[in-house]
Amino acid sequence: MLRYLPLLIAVAVTLYALIDCARTEQDSIRGLPKWGWLLIIIFIGTFGAVAYLIWGRPRNPGTGRGGKGKIIGPDDDPDFLRKL
């Protein structure tokens, strides 16, 4: 059972990178266009996935996935202060 562990880890890393790249916005990905990273991950496999995670993934993952970006406190939020 333990001999399958490296294979399972390789598949998990590849799937994670593939899903992460597919869900990340085009403007947030570094190095290559989104379609380029997807092709590298699909055709090269684990090495392509690791390359994407190191060089292609956004530096701040929270901003590339539809989030509002940096979290700020209510004292610094102009929308919150306007409502007071």
C-alpha atoms as a PDB file:
ATOM      1  CA  MET A   1       0.000   0.000   0.000  1.00  0.00           C
ATOM      2  CA  LEU A   2       2.837   2.393   0.806  1.00  0.00           C
ATOM      3  CA  ARG A   3       4.376   1.929  -2.635  1.00  0.00           C
ATOM      4  CA  TYR A   4       1.404   3.759  -4.200  1.00  0.00           C
ATOM      5  CA  LEU A   5       1.860   6.843  -2.015  1.00  0.00           C
ATOM      6  CA  PRO A   6       4.222   8.718  -4.406  1.00  0.00           C
ATOM      7  CA  LEU A   7       1.804   8.103  -7.287  1.00  0.00           C
ATOM      8  CA  LEU A   8      -1.119   9.366  -5.223  1.00  0.00           C
ATOM      9  CA  ILE A   9       0.804  12.483  -4.214  1.00  0.00           C
ATOM     10  CA  ALA A  10       1.786  13.160  -7.845  1.00  0.00           C
ATOM     11  CA  VAL A  11      -1.825  12.836  -9.028  1.00  0.00           C
ATOM     12  CA  ALA A  12      -3.073  15.043  -6.180  1.00  0.00           C
ATOM     13  CA  VAL A  13      -0.527  17.796  -6.916  1.00  0.00           C
ATOM     14  CA  THR A  14      -1.345  17.675 -10.632  1.00  0.00           C
ATOM     15  CA  LEU A  15      -5.091  17.862 -10.038  1.00  0.00           C
ATOM     16  CA  TYR A  16      -4.695  20.675  -7.525  1.00  0.00           C
ATOM     17  CA  ALA A  17      -2.561  22.736  -9.909  1.00  0.00           C
ATOM     18  CA  LEU A  18      -4.922  22.064 -12.824  1.00  0.00           C
ATOM     19  CA  ILE A  19      -8.002  23.156 -10.868  1.00  0.00           C
ATOM     20  CA  ASP A  20      -6.197  26.128  -9.327  1.00  0.00           C
ATOM     21  CA  CYS A  21      -4.996  27.330 -12.722  1.00  0.00           C
ATOM     22  CA  ALA A  22      -8.425  26.860 -14.305  1.00  0.00           C
ATOM     23  CA  ARG A  23     -10.157  28.859 -11.557  1.00  0.00           C
ATOM     24  CA  THR A  24      -7.640  31.696 -11.384  1.00  0.00           C
ATOM     25  CA  GLU A  25      -8.318  34.796 -13.477  1.00  0.00           C
ATOM     26  CA  GLN A  26      -6.126  35.356 -16.533  1.00  0.00           C
ATOM     27  CA  ASP A  27      -4.728  38.663 -15.238  1.00  0.00           C
ATOM     28  CA  SER A  28      -3.469  37.092 -12.009  1.00  0.00           C
ATOM     29  CA  ILE A  29      -1.377  34.300 -13.544  1.00  0.00           C
ATOM     30  CA  ARG A  30       2.337  35.050 -13.912  1.00  0.00           C
ATOM     31  CA  GLY A  31       4.828  34.020 -16.578  1.00  0.00           C
ATOM     32  CA  LEU A  32       2.670  32.544 -19.333  1.00  0.00           C
ATOM     33  CA  PRO A  33      -0.921  32.900 -20.482  1.00  0.00           C
ATOM     34  CA  LYS A  34      -3.487  30.768 -18.691  1.00  0.00           C
ATOM     35  CA  TRP A  35      -3.902  28.390 -21.643  1.00  0.00           C
ATOM     36  CA  GLY A  36      -0.122  27.882 -21.726  1.00  0.00           C
ATOM     37  CA  TRP A  37       0.015  26.826 -18.090  1.00  0.00           C
ATOM     38  CA  LEU A  38      -2.971  24.515 -18.567  1.00  0.00           C
ATOM     39  CA  LEU A  39      -1.268  22.792 -21.508  1.00  0.00           C
ATOM     40  CA  ILE A  40       1.980  22.434 -19.545  1.00  0.00           C
ATOM     41  CA  ILE A  41       0.160  20.932 -16.563  1.00  0.00           C
ATOM     42  CA  ILE A  42      -1.792  18.500 -18.764  1.00  0.00           C
ATOM     43  CA  PHE A  43       1.061  17.333 -20.997  1.00  0.00           C
ATOM     44  CA  ILE A  44       4.024  17.428 -18.627  1.00  0.00           C
ATOM     45  CA  GLY A  45       2.099  16.260 -15.573  1.00  0.00           C
ATOM     46  CA  THR A  46       3.599  16.577 -12.117  1.00  0.00           C
ATOM     47  CA  PHE A  47       6.644  18.582 -13.242  1.00  0.00           C
ATOM     48  CA  GLY A  48       4.400  21.040 -15.065  1.00  0.00           C
ATOM     49  CA  ALA A  49       2.156  21.288 -12.018  1.00  0.00           C
ATOM     50  CA  VAL A  50       5.099  22.032  -9.743  1.00  0.00           C
ATOM     51  CA  ALA A  51       6.384  24.616 -12.240  1.00  0.00           C
ATOM     52  CA  TYR A  52       2.981  26.327 -12.232  1.00  0.00           C
ATOM     53  CA  LEU A  53       2.799  26.332  -8.439  1.00  0.00           C
ATOM     54  CA  ILE A  54       6.269  27.897  -8.193  1.00  0.00           C
ATOM     55  CA  TRP A  55       6.352  30.333 -11.141  1.00  0.00           C
ATOM     56  CA  GLY A  56       2.824  30.753 -12.476  1.00  0.00           C
ATOM     57  CA  ARG A  57       0.601  30.999  -9.455  1.00  0.00           C
ATOM     58  CA  PRO A  58      -0.360  34.478  -8.262  1.00  0.00           C
ATOM     59  CA  ARG A  59       1.760  35.837  -5.416  1.00  0.00           C
ATOM     60  CA  ASN A  60      -1.365  36.700  -3.435  1.00  0.00           C
ATOM     61  CA  PRO A  61      -3.839  33.856  -4.096  1.00  0.00           C
ATOM     62  CA  GLY A  62      -6.741  35.705  -2.450  1.00  0.00           C
ATOM     63  CA  THR A  63      -6.975  38.357  -5.151  1.00  0.00           C
ATOM     64  CA  GLY A  64      -7.198  36.059  -8.174  1.00  0.00           C
ATOM     65  CA  ARG A  65     -10.274  34.081  -7.275  1.00  0.00           C
ATOM     66  CA  GLY A  66     -13.048  36.600  -7.301  1.00  0.00           C
ATOM     67  CA  GLY A  67     -12.352  37.825  -3.787  1.00  0.00           C
ATOM     68  CA  LYS A  68     -12.458  41.472  -2.867  1.00  0.00           C
ATOM     69  CA  GLY A  69      -8.726  41.459  -2.345  1.00  0.00           C
ATOM     70  CA  LYS A  70      -7.006  42.642   0.765  1.00  0.00           C
ATOM     71  CA  ILE A  71      -9.077  42.465   3.938  1.00  0.00           C
ATOM     72  CA  ILE A  72      -9.231  45.758   5.777  1.00  0.00           C
ATOM     73  CA  GLY A  73     -10.682  46.708   9.107  1.00  0.00           C
ATOM     74  CA  PRO A  74     -13.915  48.716   9.420  1.00  0.00           C
ATOM     75  CA  ASP A  75     -11.995  51.861  10.453  1.00  0.00           C
ATOM     76  CA  ASP A  76     -10.161  51.862   7.107  1.00  0.00           C
ATOM     77  CA  ASP A  77     -13.104  50.846   4.916  1.00  0.00           C
ATOM     78  CA  PRO A  78     -14.578  53.923   3.177  1.00  0.00           C
ATOM     79  CA  ASP A  79     -17.859  52.124   2.385  1.00  0.00           C
ATOM     80  CA  PHE A  80     -18.371  51.267   6.038  1.00  0.00           C
ATOM     81  CA  LEU A  81     -17.505  54.794   7.181  1.00  0.00           C
ATOM     82  CA  ARG A  82     -19.956  56.319   4.671  1.00  0.00           C
ATOM     83  CA  LYS A  83     -22.804  54.319   6.211  1.00  0.00           C
ATOM     84  CA  LEU A  84     -22.181  55.742   9.687  1.00  0.00           C
END
